[in-house]
Amino acid sequence: MYRFFEMVPGILAWSTIILLLFLSWLLPVWAAIFIILFDIYWFLKIIYLSFHLKATFKKMRNNLKINWIDELTKNQKLKAKSWNNIYHLIILPMYKEPYEVVKETFESLLKTNYPKDKFIVVLATEERGGKKTQETAQKIKTEFNDNFFKFLITQHPVNLPDEIPGKGSNQTWAAKEVKKLIIDPLKISYENILASVFDIDTQVLPEYFGILTYNFLTCEHPQHSSFQPIPLFTNNIFQTPALARVIAFSSTFWHMMQQSRPERQTTFSSHSMPFKAVVEVGFWHKDIVSEDSQIFWQCYLHYNGNWRAIPLFYPVSMDANVAPTFWQTMINQYKQQRRWGWGCENIPYFLDGFRKNLQIPKSKKWYWSFIIIESFHSWSTNVLIIFALGWLPIILGGADFNTTLLSYNLPQITRFIMTLSMIGIATSAVLSIILLPPKPSWFKSWHYLLYVIQWILVPFTLIIFGAFPGLEAQTRLMLGDKFHLGFWVTPKHR
């Protein structure tokens, strides 16, 4: 059954593509009608998601203005739950990232408006990172060790059984080490620890731990909740080529839209959760690539559906994809999107878990199964239907179809709907300008025009760096173990 569940995303994606090819040849009228209706659906979906994007943006800007320590202090409901008792375990998995990247991350921790004597910071290095990685770690420790309650460097050994080299196995090793060496000896209650696992390039904004603690103490089920910030890929945005900038902002906007749909929210990349839950579910899985999203399903299955991801409506800043050359940047960009697309490995995991767990209500099982499978199916097929397969009835429909009024109107209708859809792209262009970090000295007024014009690249990026890597990931999962992806670390540059 698990093997069958692995095949589901790929079967659905390729069935859609192949079926549309055959219908365009055998039943071009019906295929054309479907494409027109699908174009209308896509346009309405863009409008719908644009409202969510604007709602999240407005709430995020408001949250950025608030002093969340003041909110914690003056909230009458929190007097019985002293926020001063909450410790923050911050795990930073590191491979071969340069010193400058790691230093910027630690400097951002120092700038946070939160007592540093509540920070337990773990720099989780890899033995396979080599001597230079350890030298960087020791240099960081020398500079920042005295600024936190506790600071620990861990070294994840190579070639441990039943795991693949990657972030999940590294952070699990680090969490077990800090539990053994610091948390248990000091007898700190697991219920009073919030664990945040950040990519090494993640720079937290000043009020992150304040708003995180506030949400933790005020939400309905604090010990059964993950907390998801908005990833802004803007640390090095001015060093990126236009294609990479559009992809970076597109990813950010998608996660912003998800924040305003909390019923669909799961975890992604840098996020936070109760340490008690981390221990109870057995830490992160060590033999997968998508540990950041699968931990949500580990908890969901372990607690029989009593788990949710709470949107923080507050950002963390991360690196956009940049390499020394343009073409290497594009290659790295594709690999990163393919790794994110490999999140489809969660589908067989939770489907098999739903099959075995009889305590989760069937309504929840059906809801999540549809939501996640549909989202991955949309990832790999929607853009292809809109920009590529939409012309198939005209190409394959034959002479009889091409003499019909419908064949004449199909491209006209499609073009009109795509033109209307530019409203959503225009919104994205404006928000991308607003979200830019402080400008470097070389940035001139005319650069704003370039940063708006770059959004004409969206159709290209959606196909090459969206649908294709998504479809490849689902195809690899469908084909079996020999084609499965390992963990690919996105190179960081300064």
Protein backbone atom coordinates (compact mmCIF):
# COMPACT_ATOMS: atom_id res chain seq x y z
CA MET A 1 0.00 0.00 0.00
CA TYR A 2 2.82 2.40 0.83
CA ARG A 3 4.37 1.77 -2.58
CA PHE A 4 1.02 2.45 -4.23
CA PHE A 5 0.64 5.70 -2.29
CA GLU A 6 4.09 6.76 -3.57
CA MET A 7 2.78 6.37 -7.11
CA VAL A 8 -0.39 8.44 -6.60
CA PRO A 9 1.00 11.98 -7.26
CA GLY A 10 2.89 10.93 -10.40
CA ILE A 11 0.00 8.87 -11.77
CA LEU A 12 -2.42 11.78 -11.33
CA ALA A 13 -0.05 14.29 -12.93
CA TRP A 14 0.87 12.19 -15.96
CA SER A 15 -2.72 10.99 -16.41
CA THR A 16 -3.86 14.61 -16.65
CA ILE A 17 -1.22 15.49 -19.23
CA ILE A 18 -1.72 12.35 -21.34
CA LEU A 19 -5.53 12.58 -21.15
CA LEU A 20 -5.44 16.18 -22.35
CA LEU A 21 -3.23 15.13 -25.27
CA PHE A 22 -5.65 12.39 -26.33
CA LEU A 23 -8.75 14.52 -25.86
CA SER A 24 -7.21 17.30 -27.94
CA TRP A 25 -6.75 14.75 -30.73
CA LEU A 26 -9.93 12.65 -30.41
CA LEU A 27 -12.41 15.13 -28.87
CA PRO A 28 -10.96 18.60 -29.55
CA VAL A 29 -14.28 20.38 -28.88
CA TRP A 30 -14.54 18.94 -25.39
CA ALA A 31 -10.86 19.58 -24.75
CA ALA A 32 -11.27 23.22 -25.84
CA ILE A 33 -14.30 23.67 -23.57
CA PHE A 34 -12.35 22.18 -20.67
CA ILE A 35 -9.39 24.49 -21.31
CA ILE A 36 -11.61 27.59 -21.41
CA LEU A 37 -13.34 26.59 -18.18
CA PHE A 38 -9.96 25.84 -16.61
CA ASP A 39 -8.64 29.26 -17.67
CA ILE A 40 -11.63 30.90 -15.99
CA TYR A 41 -11.07 28.82 -12.85
CA TRP A 42 -7.41 29.82 -12.80
CA PHE A 43 -8.29 33.49 -13.17
CA LEU A 44 -10.80 33.32 -10.31
CA LYS A 45 -8.22 31.48 -8.19
CA ILE A 46 -5.69 34.27 -8.80
CA ILE A 47 -8.22 36.85 -7.60
CA TYR A 48 -9.04 34.71 -4.56
CA LEU A 49 -5.38 34.25 -3.63
CA SER A 50 -4.64 37.93 -4.23
CA PHE A 51 -7.09 38.84 -1.47
CA HIS A 52 -5.29 36.44 0.88
CA LEU A 53 -1.94 37.92 -0.11
CA LYS A 54 -3.10 41.46 0.65
CA ALA A 55 -4.67 40.38 3.95
CA THR A 56 -1.45 38.70 5.08
CA PHE A 57 0.67 41.65 3.98
CA LYS A 58 -1.48 44.07 5.96
CA LYS A 59 -1.36 41.94 9.10
CA MET A 60 2.37 41.32 8.75
CA ARG A 61 3.13 45.04 8.48
CA ASN A 62 1.04 45.68 11.57
CA ASN A 63 2.81 42.93 13.54
CA LEU A 64 6.19 44.35 12.56
CA LYS A 65 5.30 47.61 14.34
CA ILE A 66 4.37 46.00 17.66
CA ASN A 67 6.69 45.57 20.64
CA TRP A 68 5.73 42.02 21.54
CA ILE A 69 7.55 42.03 24.87
CA ASP A 70 5.21 44.85 25.91
CA GLU A 71 2.26 42.78 24.70
CA LEU A 72 3.43 39.84 26.80
CA THR A 73 3.96 42.03 29.85
CA LYS A 74 0.63 43.90 29.81
CA ASN A 75 -1.63 41.00 28.80
CA GLN A 76 -3.73 40.24 31.86
CA LYS A 77 -4.49 36.69 30.72
CA LEU A 78 -0.80 35.83 30.77
CA LYS A 79 -0.14 36.71 34.40
CA ALA A 80 -0.69 33.09 35.38
CA LYS A 81 1.62 31.97 32.54
CA SER A 82 4.83 33.89 33.07
CA TRP A 83 6.54 34.30 29.72
CA ASN A 84 9.85 34.55 31.58
CA ASN A 85 9.67 30.79 32.13
CA ILE A 86 9.84 30.05 28.40
CA TYR A 87 13.19 28.97 26.96
CA HIS A 88 13.98 29.08 23.26
CA LEU A 89 16.03 26.23 21.85
CA ILE A 90 17.50 27.46 18.55
CA ILE A 91 19.04 24.76 16.35
CA LEU A 92 21.06 25.94 13.36
CA PRO A 93 22.09 23.05 11.07
CA MET A 94 25.28 23.91 9.21
CA TYR A 95 27.20 22.15 6.44
CA LYS A 96 29.86 24.13 4.52
CA GLU A 97 28.35 27.60 4.64
CA PRO A 98 30.87 30.48 4.74
CA TYR A 99 31.64 32.32 7.96
CA GLU A 100 29.95 35.52 6.72
CA VAL A 101 26.57 33.76 6.34
CA VAL A 102 26.75 32.17 9.80
CA LYS A 103 27.89 35.40 11.42
CA GLU A 104 24.95 37.36 9.96
CA THR A 105 22.56 34.80 11.42
CA PHE A 106 24.06 35.10 14.90
CA GLU A 107 24.13 38.88 14.71
CA SER A 108 20.40 38.83 13.97
CA LEU A 109 19.85 36.75 17.14
CA LEU A 110 21.66 39.40 19.17
CA LYS A 111 19.43 42.13 17.74
CA THR A 112 16.21 40.46 18.84
CA ASN A 113 14.09 42.14 21.47
CA TYR A 114 14.09 39.18 23.84
CA PRO A 115 16.15 38.20 26.93
CA LYS A 116 19.17 36.29 25.64
CA ASP A 117 19.44 34.42 28.95
CA LYS A 118 16.48 32.37 27.68
CA PHE A 119 18.29 31.28 24.50
CA ILE A 120 19.85 27.83 24.18
CA VAL A 121 21.68 28.01 20.85
CA VAL A 122 22.99 24.93 19.06
CA LEU A 123 25.26 25.22 16.03
CA ALA A 124 24.74 21.79 14.49
CA THR A 125 27.72 21.03 12.25
CA GLU A 126 28.41 18.03 10.03
CA GLU A 127 31.54 15.89 10.32
CA ARG A 128 31.45 15.58 6.53
CA GLY A 129 31.72 19.37 6.36
CA GLY A 130 35.43 19.00 7.03
CA LYS A 131 38.01 20.99 8.95
CA LYS A 132 36.94 24.38 7.61
CA THR A 133 33.40 23.92 8.95
CA GLN A 134 34.76 23.21 12.45
CA GLU A 135 37.05 26.24 12.25
CA THR A 136 34.08 28.41 11.33
CA ALA A 137 32.03 26.96 14.21
CA GLN A 138 34.79 27.61 16.74
CA LYS A 139 35.22 31.16 15.46
CA ILE A 140 31.49 31.76 15.91
CA LYS A 141 31.63 30.30 19.42
CA THR A 142 34.50 32.59 20.36
CA GLU A 143 32.53 35.64 19.23
CA PHE A 144 29.05 34.77 20.49
CA ASN A 145 29.35 32.18 23.27
CA ASP A 146 28.91 34.66 26.13
CA ASN A 147 25.79 36.28 24.70
CA PHE A 148 23.37 33.40 25.36
CA PHE A 149 22.25 31.28 28.30
CA LYS A 150 23.86 28.25 26.69
CA PHE A 151 25.80 27.72 23.50
CA LEU A 152 26.61 24.28 22.11
CA ILE A 153 28.41 23.03 19.02
CA THR A 154 27.47 19.52 17.89
CA GLN A 155 29.08 17.42 15.20
CA HIS A 156 26.86 14.98 13.34
CA PRO A 157 28.92 11.85 12.53
CA VAL A 158 29.08 10.44 9.01
CA ASN A 159 27.75 7.05 7.91
CA LEU A 160 25.33 6.43 10.76
CA PRO A 161 22.92 3.56 10.01
CA ASP A 162 19.32 4.12 8.86
CA GLU A 163 19.75 7.75 7.88
CA ILE A 164 20.60 9.89 4.89
CA PRO A 165 23.04 12.82 5.13
CA GLY A 166 20.97 15.97 5.46
CA LYS A 167 19.29 18.50 7.64
CA GLY A 168 16.85 16.09 9.30
CA SER A 169 19.46 13.65 10.55
CA ASN A 170 21.75 16.51 11.63
CA GLN A 171 19.12 18.38 13.67
CA THR A 172 17.93 15.15 15.29
CA TRP A 173 21.47 14.42 16.43
CA ALA A 174 21.80 18.00 17.70
CA ALA A 175 18.47 17.91 19.57
CA LYS A 176 19.38 14.66 21.31
CA GLU A 177 22.78 16.06 22.27
CA VAL A 178 21.41 19.28 23.75
CA LYS A 179 18.76 17.27 25.60
CA LYS A 180 21.44 15.02 27.10
CA LEU A 181 24.07 17.68 27.83
CA ILE A 182 22.04 20.75 28.82
CA ILE A 183 18.26 20.37 29.13
CA ASP A 184 18.09 17.20 31.23
CA PRO A 185 21.00 18.07 33.58
CA LEU A 186 19.43 21.49 34.26
CA LYS A 187 16.00 19.84 34.64
CA ILE A 188 14.30 22.36 32.37
CA SER A 189 10.71 21.30 31.74
CA TYR A 190 10.15 20.27 28.14
CA GLU A 191 6.79 22.06 28.29
CA ASN A 192 8.62 25.36 28.79
CA ILE A 193 10.88 25.00 25.76
CA LEU A 194 10.09 26.17 22.24
CA ALA A 195 12.35 24.57 19.65
CA SER A 196 13.13 26.61 16.54
CA VAL A 197 15.03 24.91 13.74
CA PHE A 198 16.36 27.52 11.33
CA ASP A 199 18.30 27.14 8.12
CA ILE A 200 21.77 28.56 8.73
CA ASP A 201 20.98 31.60 6.54
CA THR A 202 17.80 32.44 8.49
CA GLN A 203 17.97 35.90 10.01
CA VAL A 204 15.26 36.52 12.58
CA LEU A 205 13.71 39.95 12.82
CA PRO A 206 13.76 41.80 16.18
CA GLU A 207 10.32 40.78 17.45
CA TYR A 208 10.26 37.16 16.26
CA PHE A 209 10.68 35.46 19.64
CA GLY A 210 8.28 37.90 21.26
CA ILE A 211 5.45 37.18 18.83
CA LEU A 212 6.31 33.46 18.91
CA THR A 213 6.07 33.37 22.71
CA TYR A 214 2.85 35.40 22.61
CA ASN A 215 1.21 33.00 20.18
CA PHE A 216 2.44 30.00 22.16
CA LEU A 217 0.96 31.30 25.42
CA THR A 218 -2.33 32.52 23.95
CA CYS A 219 -3.24 29.79 21.45
CA GLU A 220 -5.80 27.13 22.32
CA HIS A 221 -3.53 24.07 22.21
CA PRO A 222 0.05 25.31 22.76
CA GLN A 223 1.63 21.88 23.22
CA HIS A 224 -0.08 20.59 20.07
CA SER A 225 0.85 23.40 17.69
CA SER A 226 3.65 24.35 15.32
CA PHE A 227 4.33 28.02 14.62
CA GLN A 228 5.10 29.11 11.07
CA PRO A 229 6.70 32.46 10.12
CA ILE A 230 6.73 33.89 6.61
CA PRO A 231 9.99 33.18 4.74
CA LEU A 232 11.27 36.29 2.99
CA PHE A 233 14.06 35.33 0.59
CA THR A 234 15.65 38.77 0.68
CA ASN A 235 18.99 38.55 2.56
CA ASN A 236 20.95 38.81 -0.68
CA ILE A 237 18.17 39.85 -3.06
CA PHE A 238 20.23 42.64 -4.66
CA GLN A 239 22.90 40.12 -5.73
CA THR A 240 20.42 37.92 -7.63
CA PRO A 241 19.64 37.92 -11.36
CA ALA A 242 16.09 38.88 -12.34
CA LEU A 243 14.90 35.29 -12.81
CA ALA A 244 16.06 34.32 -9.32
CA ARG A 245 14.42 37.42 -7.81
CA VAL A 246 11.07 36.59 -9.37
CA ILE A 247 11.29 33.00 -8.12
CA ALA A 248 12.30 34.16 -4.64
CA PHE A 249 9.40 36.60 -4.32
CA SER A 250 6.97 34.12 -5.86
CA SER A 251 7.88 31.61 -3.15
CA THR A 252 7.44 34.25 -0.47
CA PHE A 253 4.04 35.28 -1.83
CA TRP A 254 2.81 31.69 -1.87
CA HIS A 255 3.67 31.28 1.80
CA MET A 256 2.04 34.63 2.58
CA MET A 257 -1.18 33.40 0.96
CA GLN A 258 -1.04 30.24 3.06
CA GLN A 259 -0.85 32.32 6.26
CA SER A 260 -4.35 33.64 5.59
CA ARG A 261 -5.59 30.09 5.08
CA PRO A 262 -4.66 28.55 8.45
CA GLU A 263 -6.84 25.51 7.82
CA ARG A 264 -4.32 24.56 5.09
CA GLN A 265 -1.17 25.62 6.91
CA THR A 266 1.59 23.07 7.46
CA THR A 267 5.23 23.61 8.37
CA PHE A 268 7.97 24.66 5.95
CA SER A 269 11.68 25.30 6.33
CA SER A 270 12.40 27.51 9.37
CA HIS A 271 9.67 27.17 12.01
CA SER A 272 9.12 26.58 15.73
CA MET A 273 7.33 23.98 17.87
CA PRO A 274 7.17 22.70 21.48
CA PHE A 275 10.20 20.65 22.47
CA LYS A 276 7.93 18.29 24.38
CA ALA A 277 6.29 17.27 21.11
CA VAL A 278 9.68 16.86 19.42
CA VAL A 279 10.69 14.35 22.08
CA GLU A 280 7.33 12.54 22.17
CA VAL A 281 7.23 11.90 18.41
CA GLY A 282 10.83 10.64 18.42
CA PHE A 283 12.49 13.71 16.88
CA TRP A 284 12.74 14.34 13.14
CA HIS A 285 12.98 11.41 10.77
CA LYS A 286 16.57 10.76 9.72
CA ASP A 287 15.94 9.01 6.40
CA ILE A 288 13.95 11.64 4.50
CA VAL A 289 14.59 14.91 2.67
CA SER A 290 11.49 16.91 3.70
CA GLU A 291 11.89 16.79 7.48
CA ASP A 292 10.59 20.35 7.84
CA SER A 293 7.14 19.42 6.51
CA GLN A 294 7.03 15.79 7.59
CA ILE A 295 7.38 16.74 11.27
CA PHE A 296 3.90 18.23 10.93
CA TRP A 297 2.53 14.84 9.82
CA GLN A 298 4.52 12.99 12.48
CA CYS A 299 2.77 15.10 15.11
CA TYR A 300 -0.61 14.94 13.37
CA LEU A 301 -0.55 11.15 13.34
CA HIS A 302 0.98 10.79 16.81
CA TYR A 303 -1.66 13.04 18.41
CA ASN A 304 -4.55 11.51 16.41
CA GLY A 305 -5.28 14.66 14.41
CA ASN A 306 -4.89 17.05 17.35
CA TRP A 307 -2.17 19.14 15.73
CA ARG A 308 -2.14 22.35 13.75
CA ALA A 309 0.31 24.87 12.31
CA ILE A 310 -0.38 28.40 13.54
CA PRO A 311 0.62 31.24 11.17
CA LEU A 312 2.62 33.96 12.90
CA PHE A 313 2.05 36.66 10.25
CA TYR A 314 5.64 37.66 10.96
CA PRO A 315 8.66 37.15 8.69
CA VAL A 316 12.11 35.67 8.91
CA SER A 317 14.64 36.63 6.28
CA MET A 318 16.51 33.99 4.25
CA ASP A 319 18.84 33.83 1.26
CA ALA A 320 17.64 33.90 -2.32
CA ASN A 321 19.42 31.45 -4.59
CA VAL A 322 22.67 32.98 -5.82
CA ALA A 323 25.78 31.35 -7.31
CA PRO A 324 28.98 32.89 -8.77
CA THR A 325 27.59 32.62 -12.32
CA PHE A 326 24.16 33.10 -13.87
CA TRP A 327 23.91 29.55 -15.22
CA GLN A 328 25.00 27.99 -11.95
CA THR A 329 22.35 30.08 -10.22
CA MET A 330 19.73 28.68 -12.60
CA ILE A 331 20.92 25.11 -12.03
CA ASN A 332 20.88 25.60 -8.26
CA GLN A 333 17.45 27.23 -8.52
CA TYR A 334 16.06 24.20 -10.35
CA LYS A 335 17.58 21.80 -7.82
CA GLN A 336 16.17 23.78 -4.91
CA GLN A 337 12.68 23.81 -6.42
CA ARG A 338 12.96 20.09 -7.12
CA ARG A 339 13.91 19.47 -3.49
CA TRP A 340 10.89 21.47 -2.35
CA GLY A 341 8.80 19.50 -4.85
CA TRP A 342 10.12 16.34 -3.20
CA GLY A 343 7.80 17.27 -0.35
CA CYS A 344 5.42 14.95 -2.21
CA GLU A 345 7.14 12.17 -0.23
CA ASN A 346 4.85 13.26 2.62
CA ILE A 347 1.81 12.02 0.68
CA PRO A 348 2.49 8.28 1.05
CA TYR A 349 3.62 8.90 4.63
CA PHE A 350 0.38 10.47 5.83
CA LEU A 351 -1.88 8.35 3.59
CA ASP A 352 -0.40 5.20 5.09
CA GLY A 353 -0.67 6.76 8.53
CA PHE A 354 -4.34 7.60 7.93
CA ARG A 355 -4.94 4.02 6.84
CA LYS A 356 -3.49 2.64 10.07
CA ASN A 357 -4.74 5.26 12.54
CA LEU A 358 -8.42 4.61 13.26
CA GLN A 359 -8.75 7.41 15.83
CA ILE A 360 -8.44 10.31 13.40
CA PRO A 361 -11.91 11.31 12.11
CA LYS A 362 -12.53 10.31 8.51
CA SER A 363 -13.56 13.87 7.64
CA LYS A 364 -10.08 15.11 8.59
CA LYS A 365 -8.42 12.33 6.63
CA TRP A 366 -10.40 13.12 3.47
CA TYR A 367 -9.89 16.86 3.90
CA TRP A 368 -6.12 16.72 4.24
CA SER A 369 -5.72 14.04 1.58
CA PHE A 370 -7.57 16.17 -0.96
CA ILE A 371 -5.87 19.44 0.02
CA ILE A 372 -2.29 18.15 -0.15
CA ILE A 373 -2.69 15.90 -3.20
CA GLU A 374 -4.51 18.66 -5.08
CA SER A 375 -1.80 21.20 -4.22
CA PHE A 376 0.99 18.99 -5.58
CA HIS A 377 -1.10 18.12 -8.63
CA SER A 378 -1.67 21.83 -9.28
CA TRP A 379 2.05 22.47 -8.84
CA SER A 380 3.00 20.06 -11.62
CA THR A 381 0.12 20.52 -14.10
CA ASN A 382 -1.77 23.81 -13.84
CA VAL A 383 0.81 26.04 -15.45
CA LEU A 384 1.42 23.52 -18.23
CA ILE A 385 -2.31 23.45 -18.99
CA ILE A 386 -2.47 27.25 -19.06
CA PHE A 387 0.67 28.13 -21.03
CA ALA A 388 1.52 25.01 -23.05
CA LEU A 389 -1.24 22.40 -23.36
CA GLY A 390 -3.95 25.02 -23.92
CA TRP A 391 -3.08 25.18 -27.62
CA LEU A 392 -3.25 21.43 -28.24
CA PRO A 393 -6.82 21.30 -29.62
CA ILE A 394 -5.78 23.69 -32.41
CA ILE A 395 -2.60 21.73 -33.15
CA LEU A 396 -4.04 18.21 -32.85
CA GLY A 397 -7.75 18.77 -33.52
CA GLY A 398 -7.51 18.41 -37.28
CA ALA A 399 -9.05 20.34 -40.16
CA ASP A 400 -12.66 19.85 -39.08
CA PHE A 401 -12.08 21.41 -35.67
CA ASN A 402 -9.93 24.24 -37.04
CA THR A 403 -12.81 25.46 -39.22
CA THR A 404 -15.11 25.89 -36.20
CA LEU A 405 -15.84 29.12 -34.39
CA LEU A 406 -14.60 27.51 -31.18
CA SER A 407 -11.12 26.94 -32.62
CA TYR A 408 -10.96 30.62 -33.59
CA ASN A 409 -12.16 31.81 -30.18
CA LEU A 410 -10.02 29.47 -28.05
CA PRO A 411 -6.79 31.52 -28.32
CA GLN A 412 -8.75 34.78 -28.13
CA ILE A 413 -10.47 33.75 -24.89
CA THR A 414 -7.26 32.34 -23.42
CA ARG A 415 -5.35 35.51 -24.26
CA PHE A 416 -8.08 37.69 -22.74
CA ILE A 417 -8.15 35.71 -19.50
CA MET A 418 -4.35 35.76 -19.27
CA THR A 419 -4.41 39.53 -19.75
CA LEU A 420 -6.85 39.87 -16.87
CA SER A 421 -4.61 37.63 -14.78
CA MET A 422 -1.88 40.26 -15.10
CA ILE A 423 -3.70 42.06 -12.28
CA GLY A 424 -2.32 39.46 -9.90
CA ILE A 425 1.17 39.84 -11.37
CA ALA A 426 0.95 43.63 -11.01
CA THR A 427 0.05 43.20 -7.33
CA SER A 428 3.07 40.95 -6.88
CA ALA A 429 5.33 43.51 -8.57
CA VAL A 430 4.22 46.29 -6.22
CA LEU A 431 4.56 44.14 -3.08
CA SER A 432 8.02 42.95 -4.14
CA ILE A 433 9.19 46.59 -4.22
CA ILE A 434 7.74 47.26 -0.78
CA LEU A 435 9.38 44.14 0.70
CA LEU A 436 12.87 45.03 -0.51
CA PRO A 437 15.36 45.43 2.37
CA PRO A 438 17.45 48.62 2.76
CA LYS A 439 18.93 49.50 -0.61
CA PRO A 440 22.69 49.42 -1.29
CA SER A 441 24.40 52.64 -2.37
CA TRP A 442 24.47 51.61 -6.04
CA PHE A 443 20.67 51.16 -6.18
CA LYS A 444 19.20 54.05 -8.18
CA SER A 445 15.65 55.20 -8.89
CA TRP A 446 15.60 53.55 -12.32
CA HIS A 447 16.27 50.17 -10.71
CA TYR A 448 12.69 50.20 -9.43
CA LEU A 449 11.47 50.10 -13.02
CA LEU A 450 13.65 47.05 -13.71
CA TYR A 451 12.35 45.35 -10.58
CA VAL A 452 8.80 45.84 -11.88
CA ILE A 453 9.49 44.84 -15.49
CA GLN A 454 11.13 41.60 -14.31
CA TRP A 455 7.67 40.19 -13.55
CA ILE A 456 7.04 39.57 -17.25
CA LEU A 457 9.28 36.53 -16.65
CA VAL A 458 6.60 34.89 -14.50
CA PRO A 459 5.24 32.47 -17.17
CA PHE A 460 8.79 31.26 -17.84
CA THR A 461 9.65 30.81 -14.16
CA LEU A 462 6.37 29.05 -13.41
CA ILE A 463 7.06 26.46 -16.11
CA ILE A 464 10.84 25.93 -15.93
CA PHE A 465 11.27 26.42 -12.17
CA GLY A 466 7.78 25.39 -11.05
CA ALA A 467 5.97 22.75 -13.06
CA PHE A 468 9.06 20.94 -14.38
CA PRO A 469 10.85 20.33 -11.05
CA GLY A 470 7.51 19.52 -9.39
CA LEU A 471 6.69 17.00 -12.11
CA GLU A 472 10.18 15.50 -11.95
CA ALA A 473 9.94 15.02 -8.18
CA GLN A 474 6.55 13.28 -8.45
CA THR A 475 7.81 11.12 -11.32
CA ARG A 476 10.86 10.05 -9.33
CA LEU A 477 8.66 9.13 -6.37
CA MET A 478 6.41 7.14 -8.69
CA LEU A 479 9.31 5.21 -10.25
CA GLY A 480 10.69 3.89 -6.96
CA ASP A 481 13.77 3.83 -4.74
CA LYS A 482 16.38 3.94 -7.51
CA PHE A 483 15.08 7.36 -8.58
CA HIS A 484 14.50 8.87 -5.13
CA LEU A 485 16.24 12.13 -4.28
CA GLY A 486 18.79 12.58 -1.55
CA PHE A 487 19.21 15.81 0.40
CA TRP A 488 20.74 18.57 -1.69
CA VAL A 489 22.19 21.50 0.28
CA THR A 490 21.63 24.84 -1.43
CA PRO A 491 25.06 26.55 -1.64
CA LYS A 492 25.25 29.93 0.11
CA HIS A 493 27.38 32.79 -1.17
CA ARG A 494 28.30 36.32 -0.11
